[in-house]
């Protein structure tokens, strides 16, 4: 099992290290950028939608 795991680890290391060279680097940066932008958009959309809700502990002064 040790020899097979070493081969798998070596293969995964080669594949991972190839992501940081040449055209693969550009593709990797593109994917990371799109993922981060989508996450920011989803978080910001959720915050913006929650602003419309009135908190339960706020008393309307016109009702007094």
C-alpha atoms as a PDB file:
ATOM      1  CA  UNK A   1       0.000   0.000   0.000  1.00  0.00           C
ATOM      2  CA  UNK A   2       2.885   2.388   0.689  1.00  0.00           C
ATOM      3  CA  UNK A   3       4.166   2.233  -2.878  1.00  0.00           C
ATOM      4  CA  UNK A   4       0.740   2.849  -4.398  1.00  0.00           C
ATOM      5  CA  UNK A   5       0.085   5.787  -2.100  1.00  0.00           C
ATOM      6  CA  UNK A   6       3.458   7.279  -2.997  1.00  0.00           C
ATOM      7  CA  UNK A   7       2.576   7.043  -6.702  1.00  0.00           C
ATOM      8  CA  UNK A   8      -0.816   8.651  -6.119  1.00  0.00           C
ATOM      9  CA  UNK A   9       0.733  11.426  -4.024  1.00  0.00           C
ATOM     10  CA  UNK A  10       3.383  12.052  -6.670  1.00  0.00           C
ATOM     11  CA  UNK A  11       0.757  12.179  -9.415  1.00  0.00           C
ATOM     12  CA  UNK A  12      -1.412  14.600  -7.419  1.00  0.00           C
ATOM     13  CA  UNK A  13       1.632  16.768  -6.686  1.00  0.00           C
ATOM     14  CA  UNK A  14       2.481  16.959 -10.389  1.00  0.00           C
ATOM     15  CA  UNK A  15      -1.090  17.864 -11.306  1.00  0.00           C
ATOM     16  CA  UNK A  16      -1.324  20.509  -8.586  1.00  0.00           C
ATOM     17  CA  UNK A  17       2.027  22.072  -9.469  1.00  0.00           C
ATOM     18  CA  UNK A  18       1.038  22.262 -13.155  1.00  0.00           C
ATOM     19  CA  UNK A  19      -1.819  24.600 -12.187  1.00  0.00           C
ATOM     20  CA  UNK A  20       0.680  27.332 -11.354  1.00  0.00           C
ATOM     21  CA  UNK A  21       2.446  27.523 -14.743  1.00  0.00           C
ATOM     22  CA  UNK A  22       1.577  29.131 -18.058  1.00  0.00           C
ATOM     23  CA  UNK A  23      -1.951  29.003 -19.416  1.00  0.00           C
ATOM     24  CA  UNK A  24      -3.115  26.785 -16.547  1.00  0.00           C
ATOM     25  CA  UNK A  25      -2.169  29.599 -14.167  1.00  0.00           C
ATOM     26  CA  UNK A  26      -4.441  32.011 -16.035  1.00  0.00           C
ATOM     27  CA  UNK A  27      -7.320  29.516 -15.882  1.00  0.00           C
ATOM     28  CA  UNK A  28      -6.720  28.887 -12.172  1.00  0.00           C
ATOM     29  CA  UNK A  29      -6.732  32.629 -11.404  1.00  0.00           C
ATOM     30  CA  UNK A  30      -9.916  33.036 -13.468  1.00  0.00           C
ATOM     31  CA  UNK A  31     -11.738  30.305 -11.542  1.00  0.00           C
ATOM     32  CA  UNK A  32     -10.619  31.654  -8.159  1.00  0.00           C
ATOM     33  CA  UNK A  33     -11.625  35.215  -9.125  1.00  0.00           C
ATOM     34  CA  UNK A  34     -15.080  34.164 -10.330  1.00  0.00           C
ATOM     35  CA  UNK A  35     -15.668  32.087  -7.191  1.00  0.00           C
ATOM     36  CA  UNK A  36     -14.667  34.944  -4.861  1.00  0.00           C
ATOM     37  CA  UNK A  37     -16.763  37.479  -6.815  1.00  0.00           C
ATOM     38  CA  UNK A  38     -19.796  35.168  -6.698  1.00  0.00           C
ATOM     39  CA  UNK A  39     -19.370  34.678  -2.953  1.00  0.00           C
ATOM     40  CA  UNK A  40     -19.146  38.450  -2.361  1.00  0.00           C
ATOM     41  CA  UNK A  41     -22.234  39.007  -4.534  1.00  0.00           C
ATOM     42  CA  UNK A  42     -24.267  36.388  -2.665  1.00  0.00           C
ATOM     43  CA  UNK A  43     -23.217  37.759   0.727  1.00  0.00           C
ATOM     44  CA  UNK A  44     -23.961  41.355  -0.305  1.00  0.00           C
ATOM     45  CA  UNK A  45     -27.342  40.381  -1.768  1.00  0.00           C
ATOM     46  CA  UNK A  46     -28.296  38.681   1.478  1.00  0.00           C
ATOM     47  CA  UNK A  47     -27.309  41.718   3.532  1.00  0.00           C
ATOM     48  CA  UNK A  48     -29.212  44.094   1.243  1.00  0.00           C
ATOM     49  CA  UNK A  49     -32.389  41.985   1.392  1.00  0.00           C
ATOM     50  CA  UNK A  50     -32.305  41.923   5.200  1.00  0.00           C
ATOM     51  CA  UNK A  51     -32.271  45.723   5.435  1.00  0.00           C
ATOM     52  CA  UNK A  52     -35.923  45.908   4.351  1.00  0.00           C
ATOM     53  CA  UNK A  53     -37.085  43.941   7.376  1.00  0.00           C
ATOM     54  CA  UNK A  54     -38.062  45.911  10.480  1.00  0.00           C
ATOM     55  CA  UNK A  55     -36.523  44.588  13.682  1.00  0.00           C
ATOM     56  CA  UNK A  56     -39.049  43.266  16.203  1.00  0.00           C
ATOM     57  CA  UNK A  57     -37.722  45.358  19.089  1.00  0.00           C
ATOM     58  CA  UNK A  58     -38.262  48.719  17.339  1.00  0.00           C
ATOM     59  CA  UNK A  59     -41.367  50.568  18.510  1.00  0.00           C
ATOM     60  CA  UNK A  60     -43.095  52.889  16.080  1.00  0.00           C
ATOM     61  CA  UNK A  61     -43.350  56.286  17.826  1.00  0.00           C
ATOM     62  CA  UNK A  62     -46.570  57.202  15.991  1.00  0.00           C
ATOM     63  CA  UNK A  63     -48.395  54.323  17.723  1.00  0.00           C
ATOM     64  CA  UNK A  64     -47.824  55.742  21.225  1.00  0.00           C
END
